[in-house]
Amino acid sequence: AGSSVVLYVVPNSKNDIVRSYRARGGIKVSFLDQ
């Protein structure tokens, strides 16, 4: 609790990028890249 982590969503293809997200439970999310 209170920490920060980095999530790397490994692409499944050459077009697999993160376009949107939905966060629950009071977490804050920011993009480092797509």
Full PDB file with SEQRES, HELIX, SHEET, SSBOND, CRYST1, ORIGX, SCALE, CONECT and MASTER records, all heavy atoms in Angstrom:
SEQRES   1 A   34  ALA GLY SER SER VAL VAL LEU TYR VAL VAL PRO ASN SER          
SEQRES   2 A   34  LYS ASN ASP ILE VAL ARG SER TYR ARG ALA ARG GLY GLY          
SEQRES   3 A   34  ILE LYS VAL SER PHE LEU ASP GLN                              
CRYST1    1.000    1.000    1.000  90.00  90.00  90.00 P 1           1          
ORIGX1      1.000000  0.000000  0.000000        0.00000                         
ORIGX2      0.000000  1.000000  0.000000        0.00000                         
ORIGX3      0.000000  0.000000  1.000000        0.00000                         
SCALE1      1.000000  0.000000  0.000000        0.00000                         
SCALE2      0.000000  1.000000  0.000000        0.00000                         
SCALE3      0.000000  0.000000  1.000000        0.00000                         
ATOM      1  N   ALA A   1       0.844  -1.192   0.000  1.00  0.00           N  
ATOM      2  CA  ALA A   1       0.000   0.000   0.000  1.00  0.00           C  
ATOM      3  C   ALA A   1       0.883   1.247   0.000  1.00  0.00           C  
ATOM      4  O   ALA A   1       1.897   1.303   0.694  1.00  0.00           O  
ATOM      5  CB  ALA A   1      -0.913  -0.003   1.224  1.00  0.00           C  
ATOM      6  N   GLY A   2       0.526   2.237  -0.835  1.00  0.00           N  
ATOM      7  CA  GLY A   2       1.296   3.474  -0.914  1.00  0.00           C  
ATOM      8  C   GLY A   2       2.495   3.412  -1.843  1.00  0.00           C  
ATOM      9  O   GLY A   2       3.195   4.418  -2.014  1.00  0.00           O  
ATOM     10  N   SER A   3       2.743   2.252  -2.424  1.00  0.00           N  
ATOM     11  CA  SER A   3       3.907   2.104  -3.316  1.00  0.00           C  
ATOM     12  C   SER A   3       3.530   2.390  -4.765  1.00  0.00           C  
ATOM     13  O   SER A   3       2.359   2.564  -5.108  1.00  0.00           O  
ATOM     14  CB  SER A   3       4.477   0.694  -3.204  1.00  0.00           C  
ATOM     15  OG  SER A   3       3.573  -0.252  -3.773  1.00  0.00           O  
ATOM     16  N   SER A   4       4.547   2.425  -5.616  1.00  0.00           N  
ATOM     17  CA  SER A   4       4.352   2.560  -7.052  1.00  0.00           C  
ATOM     18  C   SER A   4       5.067   1.416  -7.756  1.00  0.00           C  
ATOM     19  O   SER A   4       6.138   0.968  -7.304  1.00  0.00           O  
ATOM     20  CB  SER A   4       4.909   3.895  -7.565  1.00  0.00           C  
ATOM     21  OG  SER A   4       4.189   4.986  -7.044  1.00  0.00           O  
ATOM     22  N   VAL A   5       4.491   0.925  -8.832  1.00  0.00           N  
ATOM     23  CA  VAL A   5       5.112  -0.129  -9.633  1.00  0.00           C  
ATOM     24  C   VAL A   5       4.991   0.258 -11.103  1.00  0.00           C  
ATOM     25  O   VAL A   5       4.224   1.143 -11.473  1.00  0.00           O  
ATOM     26  CB  VAL A   5       4.447  -1.510  -9.400  1.00  0.00           C  
ATOM     27  CG1 VAL A   5       4.533  -1.911  -7.943  1.00  0.00           C  
ATOM     28  CG2 VAL A   5       2.999  -1.504  -9.888  1.00  0.00           C  
ATOM     29  N   VAL A   6       5.768  -0.441 -11.930  1.00  0.00           N  
ATOM     30  CA  VAL A   6       5.698  -0.250 -13.384  1.00  0.00           C  
ATOM     31  C   VAL A   6       5.177  -1.531 -14.009  1.00  0.00           C  
ATOM     32  O   VAL A   6       5.696  -2.620 -13.732  1.00  0.00           O  
ATOM     33  CB  VAL A   6       7.080   0.112 -13.969  1.00  0.00           C  
ATOM     34  CG1 VAL A   6       7.039   0.089 -15.495  1.00  0.00           C  
ATOM     35  CG2 VAL A   6       7.508   1.488 -13.485  1.00  0.00           C  
ATOM     36  N   LEU A   7       4.137  -1.411 -14.813  1.00  0.00           N  
ATOM     37  CA  LEU A   7       3.571  -2.546 -15.523  1.00  0.00           C  
ATOM     38  C   LEU A   7       3.934  -2.449 -17.002  1.00  0.00           C  
ATOM     39  O   LEU A   7       3.565  -1.480 -17.669  1.00  0.00           O  
ATOM     40  CB  LEU A   7       2.043  -2.567 -15.379  1.00  0.00           C  
ATOM     41  CG  LEU A   7       1.466  -2.580 -13.969  1.00  0.00           C  
ATOM     42  CD1 LEU A   7      -0.054  -2.626 -14.038  1.00  0.00           C  
ATOM     43  CD2 LEU A   7       2.007  -3.754 -13.166  1.00  0.00           C  
ATOM     44  N   TYR A   8       4.652  -3.458 -17.487  1.00  0.00           N  
ATOM     45  CA  TYR A   8       4.990  -3.529 -18.899  1.00  0.00           C  
ATOM     46  C   TYR A   8       4.058  -4.538 -19.551  1.00  0.00           C  
ATOM     47  O   TYR A   8       4.173  -5.742 -19.324  1.00  0.00           O  
ATOM     48  CB  TYR A   8       6.455  -3.924 -19.075  1.00  0.00           C  
ATOM     49  CG  TYR A   8       6.836  -4.337 -20.477  1.00  0.00           C  
ATOM     50  CD1 TYR A   8       6.292  -3.712 -21.598  1.00  0.00           C  
ATOM     51  CD2 TYR A   8       7.762  -5.368 -20.680  1.00  0.00           C  
ATOM     52  CE1 TYR A   8       6.648  -4.105 -22.884  1.00  0.00           C  
ATOM     53  CE2 TYR A   8       8.124  -5.761 -21.964  1.00  0.00           C  
ATOM     54  CZ  TYR A   8       7.558  -5.125 -23.062  1.00  0.00           C  
ATOM     55  OH  TYR A   8       7.900  -5.520 -24.337  1.00  0.00           O  
ATOM     56  N   VAL A   9       3.117  -4.040 -20.338  1.00  0.00           N  
ATOM     57  CA  VAL A   9       2.152  -4.896 -21.024  1.00  0.00           C  
ATOM     58  C   VAL A   9       2.807  -5.366 -22.322  1.00  0.00           C  
ATOM     59  O   VAL A   9       2.876  -4.625 -23.304  1.00  0.00           O  
ATOM     60  CB  VAL A   9       0.844  -4.133 -21.318  1.00  0.00           C  
ATOM     61  CG1 VAL A   9      -0.171  -5.061 -21.974  1.00  0.00           C  
ATOM     62  CG2 VAL A   9       0.288  -3.542 -20.024  1.00  0.00           C  
ATOM     63  N   VAL A  10       3.304  -6.594 -22.314  1.00  0.00           N  
ATOM     64  CA  VAL A  10       4.081  -7.111 -23.437  1.00  0.00           C  
ATOM     65  C   VAL A  10       3.187  -7.224 -24.681  1.00  0.00           C  
ATOM     66  O   VAL A  10       2.139  -7.885 -24.634  1.00  0.00           O  
ATOM     67  CB  VAL A  10       4.690  -8.483 -23.097  1.00  0.00           C  
ATOM     68  CG1 VAL A  10       5.504  -9.017 -24.268  1.00  0.00           C  
ATOM     69  CG2 VAL A  10       5.569  -8.373 -21.837  1.00  0.00           C  
ATOM     70  N   PRO A  11       3.562  -6.569 -25.787  1.00  0.00           N  
ATOM     71  CA  PRO A  11       2.723  -6.614 -26.987  1.00  0.00           C  
ATOM     72  C   PRO A  11       2.618  -8.032 -27.556  1.00  0.00           C  
ATOM     73  O   PRO A  11       3.611  -8.762 -27.621  1.00  0.00           O  
ATOM     74  CB  PRO A  11       3.462  -5.693 -27.971  1.00  0.00           C  
ATOM     75  CG  PRO A  11       4.394  -4.883 -27.143  1.00  0.00           C  
ATOM     76  CD  PRO A  11       4.771  -5.738 -25.976  1.00  0.00           C  
ATOM     77  N   ASN A  12       1.410  -8.398 -27.976  1.00  0.00           N  
ATOM     78  CA  ASN A  12       1.198  -9.692 -28.626  1.00  0.00           C  
ATOM     79  C   ASN A  12       1.408  -9.616 -30.131  1.00  0.00           C  
ATOM     80  O   ASN A  12       1.497 -10.646 -30.800  1.00  0.00           O  
ATOM     81  CB  ASN A  12      -0.218 -10.199 -28.339  1.00  0.00           C  
ATOM     82  CG  ASN A  12      -0.398 -10.607 -26.890  1.00  0.00           C  
ATOM     83  OD1 ASN A  12       0.511 -11.169 -26.277  1.00  0.00           O  
ATOM     84  ND2 ASN A  12      -1.561 -10.323 -26.326  1.00  0.00           N  
ATOM     85  N   SER A  13       1.459  -8.395 -30.645  1.00  0.00           N  
ATOM     86  CA  SER A  13       1.628  -8.215 -32.083  1.00  0.00           C  
ATOM     87  C   SER A  13       2.229  -6.842 -32.344  1.00  0.00           C  
ATOM     88  O   SER A  13       2.421  -6.041 -31.413  1.00  0.00           O  
ATOM     89  CB  SER A  13       0.283  -8.328 -32.812  1.00  0.00           C  
ATOM     90  OG  SER A  13      -0.530  -7.199 -32.524  1.00  0.00           O  
ATOM     91  N   LYS A  14       2.501  -6.554 -33.600  1.00  0.00           N  
ATOM     92  CA  LYS A  14       3.102  -5.280 -33.987  1.00  0.00           C  
ATOM     93  C   LYS A  14       2.148  -4.101 -33.827  1.00  0.00           C  
ATOM     94  O   LYS A  14       2.570  -2.942 -33.909  1.00  0.00           O  
ATOM     95  CB  LYS A  14       3.587  -5.350 -35.439  1.00  0.00           C  
ATOM     96  CG  LYS A  14       2.484  -5.611 -36.452  1.00  0.00           C  
ATOM     97  CD  LYS A  14       3.053  -5.774 -37.845  1.00  0.00           C  
ATOM     98  CE  LYS A  14       1.940  -6.025 -38.868  1.00  0.00           C  
ATOM     99  NZ  LYS A  14       2.503  -6.212 -40.239  1.00  0.00           N  
ATOM    100  N   ASN A  15       0.871  -4.389 -33.585  1.00  0.00           N  
ATOM    101  CA  ASN A  15      -0.116  -3.323 -33.413  1.00  0.00           C  
ATOM    102  C   ASN A  15      -0.738  -3.307 -32.019  1.00  0.00           C  
ATOM    103  O   ASN A  15      -1.703  -2.580 -31.780  1.00  0.00           O  
ATOM    104  CB  ASN A  15      -1.232  -3.474 -34.452  1.00  0.00           C  
ATOM    105  CG  ASN A  15      -0.728  -3.251 -35.859  1.00  0.00           C  
ATOM    106  OD1 ASN A  15       0.013  -2.302 -36.109  1.00  0.00           O  
ATOM    107  ND2 ASN A  15      -1.102  -4.115 -36.788  1.00  0.00           N  
ATOM    108  N   ASP A  16      -0.176  -4.096 -31.106  1.00  0.00           N  
ATOM    109  CA  ASP A  16      -0.752  -4.240 -29.771  1.00  0.00           C  
ATOM    110  C   ASP A  16      -0.229  -3.147 -28.840  1.00  0.00           C  
ATOM    111  O   ASP A  16       0.828  -3.278 -28.227  1.00  0.00           O  
ATOM    112  CB  ASP A  16      -0.423  -5.622 -29.207  1.00  0.00           C  
ATOM    113  CG  ASP A  16      -1.111  -5.883 -27.869  1.00  0.00           C  
ATOM    114  OD1 ASP A  16      -2.015  -5.105 -27.511  1.00  0.00           O  
ATOM    115  OD2 ASP A  16      -0.729  -6.860 -27.191  1.00  0.00           O  
ATOM    116  N   ILE A  17      -0.983  -2.064 -28.744  1.00  0.00           N  
ATOM    117  CA  ILE A  17      -0.631  -0.970 -27.838  1.00  0.00           C  
ATOM    118  C   ILE A  17      -1.801  -0.711 -26.896  1.00  0.00           C  
ATOM    119  O   ILE A  17      -2.938  -1.089 -27.169  1.00  0.00           O  
ATOM    120  CB  ILE A  17      -0.275   0.321 -28.600  1.00  0.00           C  
ATOM    121  CG1 ILE A  17      -1.452   0.802 -29.450  1.00  0.00           C  
ATOM    122  CG2 ILE A  17       0.972   0.121 -29.447  1.00  0.00           C  
ATOM    123  CD1 ILE A  17      -1.218   2.132 -30.133  1.00  0.00           C  
ATOM    124  N   VAL A  18      -1.520  -0.083 -25.761  1.00  0.00           N  
ATOM    125  CA  VAL A  18      -2.553   0.236 -24.781  1.00  0.00           C  
ATOM    126  C   VAL A  18      -3.261   1.513 -25.225  1.00  0.00           C  
ATOM    127  O   VAL A  18      -2.642   2.570 -25.344  1.00  0.00           O  
ATOM    128  CB  VAL A  18      -1.955   0.424 -23.378  1.00  0.00           C  
ATOM    129  CG1 VAL A  18      -3.039   0.866 -22.391  1.00  0.00           C  
ATOM    130  CG2 VAL A  18      -1.286  -0.861 -22.909  1.00  0.00           C  
ATOM    131  N   ARG A  19      -4.538   1.407 -25.465  1.00  0.00           N  
ATOM    132  CA  ARG A  19      -5.315   2.556 -25.906  1.00  0.00           C  
ATOM    133  C   ARG A  19      -6.095   3.193 -24.753  1.00  0.00           C  
ATOM    134  O   ARG A  19      -6.366   4.394 -24.765  1.00  0.00           O  
ATOM    135  CB  ARG A  19      -6.274   2.148 -27.023  1.00  0.00           C  
ATOM    136  CG  ARG A  19      -5.568   1.541 -28.230  1.00  0.00           C  
ATOM    137  CD  ARG A  19      -6.559   1.107 -29.289  1.00  0.00           C  
ATOM    138  NE  ARG A  19      -5.890   0.394 -30.362  1.00  0.00           N  
ATOM    139  CZ  ARG A  19      -5.275   0.979 -31.383  1.00  0.00           C  
ATOM    140  NH1 ARG A  19      -5.244   2.295 -31.457  1.00  0.00           N  
ATOM    141  NH2 ARG A  19      -4.685   0.257 -32.318  1.00  0.00           N  
ATOM    142  N   SER A  20      -6.477   2.375 -23.780  1.00  0.00           N  
ATOM    143  CA  SER A  20      -7.244   2.888 -22.650  1.00  0.00           C  
ATOM    144  C   SER A  20      -7.133   1.918 -21.484  1.00  0.00           C  
ATOM    145  O   SER A  20      -6.671   0.785 -21.645  1.00  0.00           O  
ATOM    146  CB  SER A  20      -8.713   3.085 -23.036  1.00  0.00           C  
ATOM    147  OG  SER A  20      -9.300   1.846 -23.392  1.00  0.00           O  
ATOM    148  N   TYR A  21      -7.570   2.355 -20.322  1.00  0.00           N  
ATOM    149  CA  TYR A  21      -7.566   1.492 -19.146  1.00  0.00           C  
ATOM    150  C   TYR A  21      -8.710   1.913 -18.221  1.00  0.00           C  
ATOM    151  O   TYR A  21      -9.266   3.017 -18.331  1.00  0.00           O  
ATOM    152  CB  TYR A  21      -6.233   1.570 -18.403  1.00  0.00           C  
ATOM    153  CG  TYR A  21      -5.901   2.947 -17.876  1.00  0.00           C  
ATOM    154  CD1 TYR A  21      -6.411   3.384 -16.646  1.00  0.00           C  
ATOM    155  CD2 TYR A  21      -5.076   3.813 -18.595  1.00  0.00           C  
ATOM    156  CE1 TYR A  21      -6.117   4.652 -16.169  1.00  0.00           C  
ATOM    157  CE2 TYR A  21      -4.791   5.085 -18.130  1.00  0.00           C  
ATOM    158  CZ  TYR A  21      -5.308   5.494 -16.917  1.00  0.00           C  
ATOM    159  OH  TYR A  21      -5.039   6.747 -16.445  1.00  0.00           O  
ATOM    160  N   ARG A  22      -9.052   1.014 -17.291  1.00  0.00           N  
ATOM    161  CA  ARG A  22     -10.056   1.314 -16.271  1.00  0.00           C  
ATOM    162  C   ARG A  22      -9.486   0.919 -14.920  1.00  0.00           C  
ATOM    163  O   ARG A  22      -9.151  -0.248 -14.690  1.00  0.00           O  
ATOM    164  CB  ARG A  22     -11.356   0.558 -16.535  1.00  0.00           C  
ATOM    165  CG  ARG A  22     -12.456   0.891 -15.538  1.00  0.00           C  
ATOM    166  CD  ARG A  22     -13.721   0.123 -15.855  1.00  0.00           C  
ATOM    167  NE  ARG A  22     -14.779   0.428 -14.894  1.00  0.00           N  
ATOM    168  CZ  ARG A  22     -15.976  -0.147 -14.894  1.00  0.00           C  
ATOM    169  NH1 ARG A  22     -16.273  -1.058 -15.809  1.00  0.00           N  
ATOM    170  NH2 ARG A  22     -16.868   0.174 -13.987  1.00  0.00           N  
ATOM    171  N   ALA A  23      -9.349   1.885 -14.036  1.00  0.00           N  
ATOM    172  CA  ALA A  23      -8.751   1.649 -12.723  1.00  0.00           C  
ATOM    173  C   ALA A  23      -9.817   1.674 -11.632  1.00  0.00           C  
ATOM    174  O   ALA A  23     -10.740   2.490 -11.668  1.00  0.00           O  
ATOM    175  CB  ALA A  23      -7.679   2.698 -12.444  1.00  0.00           C  
ATOM    176  N   ARG A  24      -9.682   0.778 -10.643  1.00  0.00           N  
ATOM    177  CA  ARG A  24     -10.594   0.719  -9.501  1.00  0.00           C  
ATOM    178  C   ARG A  24      -9.782   0.689  -8.206  1.00  0.00           C  
ATOM    179  O   ARG A  24      -8.640   0.227  -8.193  1.00  0.00           O  
ATOM    180  CB  ARG A  24     -11.471  -0.535  -9.562  1.00  0.00           C  
ATOM    181  CG  ARG A  24     -12.367  -0.642 -10.787  1.00  0.00           C  
ATOM    182  CD  ARG A  24     -13.227  -1.906 -10.684  1.00  0.00           C  
ATOM    183  NE  ARG A  24     -14.071  -2.121 -11.850  1.00  0.00           N  
ATOM    184  CZ  ARG A  24     -13.696  -2.792 -12.919  1.00  0.00           C  
ATOM    185  NH1 ARG A  24     -12.468  -3.299 -12.989  1.00  0.00           N  
ATOM    186  NH2 ARG A  24     -14.531  -2.951 -13.932  1.00  0.00           N  
ATOM    187  N   GLY A  25     -10.399   1.152  -7.131  1.00  0.00           N  
ATOM    188  CA  GLY A  25      -9.768   1.061  -5.826  1.00  0.00           C  
ATOM    189  C   GLY A  25      -8.849   2.201  -5.481  1.00  0.00           C  
ATOM    190  O   GLY A  25      -7.987   2.065  -4.602  1.00  0.00           O  
ATOM    191  N   GLY A  26      -8.999   3.330  -6.151  1.00  0.00           N  
ATOM    192  CA  GLY A  26      -8.207   4.507  -5.802  1.00  0.00           C  
ATOM    193  C   GLY A  26      -6.781   4.521  -6.320  1.00  0.00           C  
ATOM    194  O   GLY A  26      -5.953   5.315  -5.849  1.00  0.00           O  
ATOM    195  N   ILE A  27      -6.465   3.655  -7.275  1.00  0.00           N  
ATOM    196  CA  ILE A  27      -5.106   3.663  -7.821  1.00  0.00           C  
ATOM    197  C   ILE A  27      -4.974   4.761  -8.879  1.00  0.00           C  
ATOM    198  O   ILE A  27      -5.938   5.134  -9.545  1.00  0.00           O  
ATOM    199  CB  ILE A  27      -4.720   2.295  -8.423  1.00  0.00           C  
ATOM    200  CG1 ILE A  27      -5.634   1.922  -9.596  1.00  0.00           C  
ATOM    201  CG2 ILE A  27      -4.758   1.224  -7.353  1.00  0.00           C  
ATOM    202  CD1 ILE A  27      -5.252   0.617 -10.265  1.00  0.00           C  
ATOM    203  N   LYS A  28      -3.756   5.298  -9.014  1.00  0.00           N  
ATOM    204  CA  LYS A  28      -3.464   6.331 -10.009  1.00  0.00           C  
ATOM    205  C   LYS A  28      -2.563   5.733 -11.086  1.00  0.00           C  
ATOM    206  O   LYS A  28      -1.592   5.044 -10.765  1.00  0.00           O  
ATOM    207  CB  LYS A  28      -2.800   7.538  -9.346  1.00  0.00           C  
ATOM    208  CG  LYS A  28      -3.702   8.261  -8.362  1.00  0.00           C  
ATOM    209  CD  LYS A  28      -3.005   9.469  -7.751  1.00  0.00           C  
ATOM    210  CE  LYS A  28      -3.928  10.193  -6.776  1.00  0.00           C  
ATOM    211  NZ  LYS A  28      -3.246  11.364  -6.165  1.00  0.00           N  
ATOM    212  N   VAL A  29      -2.892   6.022 -12.340  1.00  0.00           N  
ATOM    213  CA  VAL A  29      -2.169   5.425 -13.466  1.00  0.00           C  
ATOM    214  C   VAL A  29      -1.658   6.520 -14.392  1.00  0.00           C  
ATOM    215  O   VAL A  29      -2.374   7.478 -14.697  1.00  0.00           O  
ATOM    216  CB  VAL A  29      -3.085   4.465 -14.259  1.00  0.00           C  
ATOM    217  CG1 VAL A  29      -2.318   3.819 -15.408  1.00  0.00           C  
ATOM    218  CG2 VAL A  29      -3.671   3.403 -13.335  1.00  0.00           C  
ATOM    219  N   SER A  30      -0.420   6.381 -14.848  1.00  0.00           N  
ATOM    220  CA  SER A  30       0.126   7.296 -15.852  1.00  0.00           C  
ATOM    221  C   SER A  30       0.932   6.497 -16.870  1.00  0.00           C  
ATOM    222  O   SER A  30       1.494   5.448 -16.547  1.00  0.00           O  
ATOM    223  CB  SER A  30       1.004   8.369 -15.209  1.00  0.00           C  
ATOM    224  OG  SER A  30       2.088   7.779 -14.509  1.00  0.00           O  
ATOM    225  N   PHE A  31       0.974   6.984 -18.099  1.00  0.00           N  
ATOM    226  CA  PHE A  31       1.691   6.308 -19.171  1.00  0.00           C  
ATOM    227  C   PHE A  31       3.179   6.658 -19.149  1.00  0.00           C  
ATOM    228  O   PHE A  31       3.543   7.832 -19.054  1.00  0.00           O  
ATOM    229  CB  PHE A  31       1.131   6.720 -20.538  1.00  0.00           C  
ATOM    230  CG  PHE A  31      -0.135   6.024 -20.934  1.00  0.00           C  
ATOM    231  CD1 PHE A  31      -1.368   6.576 -20.626  1.00  0.00           C  
ATOM    232  CD2 PHE A  31      -0.097   4.826 -21.623  1.00  0.00           C  
ATOM    233  CE1 PHE A  31      -2.540   5.950 -21.002  1.00  0.00           C  
ATOM    234  CE2 PHE A  31      -1.257   4.179 -22.001  1.00  0.00           C  
ATOM    235  CZ  PHE A  31      -2.488   4.741 -21.691  1.00  0.00           C  
ATOM    236  N   LEU A  32       4.037   5.649 -19.252  1.00  0.00           N  
ATOM    237  CA  LEU A  32       5.455   5.859 -19.529  1.00  0.00           C  
ATOM    238  C   LEU A  32       5.698   5.707 -21.024  1.00  0.00           C  
ATOM    239  O   LEU A  32       6.565   6.357 -21.596  1.00  0.00           O  
ATOM    240  CB  LEU A  32       6.315   4.889 -18.738  1.00  0.00           C  
ATOM    241  CG  LEU A  32       6.236   5.020 -17.222  1.00  0.00           C  
ATOM    242  CD1 LEU A  32       7.168   4.021 -16.546  1.00  0.00           C  
ATOM    243  CD2 LEU A  32       6.570   6.439 -16.779  1.00  0.00           C  
ATOM    244  N   ASP A  33       5.001   4.782 -21.645  1.00  0.00           N  
ATOM    245  CA  ASP A  33       4.893   4.715 -23.097  1.00  0.00           C  
ATOM    246  C   ASP A  33       3.596   3.973 -23.403  1.00  0.00           C  
ATOM    247  O   ASP A  33       2.798   3.711 -22.492  1.00  0.00           O  
ATOM    248  CB  ASP A  33       6.134   4.098 -23.774  1.00  0.00           C  
ATOM    249  CG  ASP A  33       6.321   2.616 -23.496  1.00  0.00           C  
ATOM    250  OD1 ASP A  33       5.329   1.902 -23.254  1.00  0.00           O  
ATOM    251  OD2 ASP A  33       7.476   2.151 -23.526  1.00  0.00           O  
ATOM    252  N   GLN A  34       3.363   3.613 -24.633  1.00  0.00           N  
ATOM    253  CA  GLN A  34       2.065   3.056 -25.007  1.00  0.00           C  
ATOM    254  C   GLN A  34       1.903   1.576 -24.675  1.00  0.00           C  
ATOM    255  O   GLN A  34       0.891   0.964 -25.026  1.00  0.00           O  
ATOM    256  CB  GLN A  34       1.810   3.318 -26.492  1.00  0.00           C  
ATOM    257  CG  GLN A  34       1.544   4.802 -26.758  1.00  0.00           C  
ATOM    258  CD  GLN A  34       1.506   5.143 -28.232  1.00  0.00           C  
ATOM    259  OE1 GLN A  34       2.542   5.318 -28.861  1.00  0.00           O  
ATOM    260  NE2 GLN A  34       0.312   5.247 -28.778  1.00  0.00           N  
TER     261      GLN A  34                                                      
MASTER        0    0    0    0    0    0    0    6  260    1    0    3          
END                                                                             
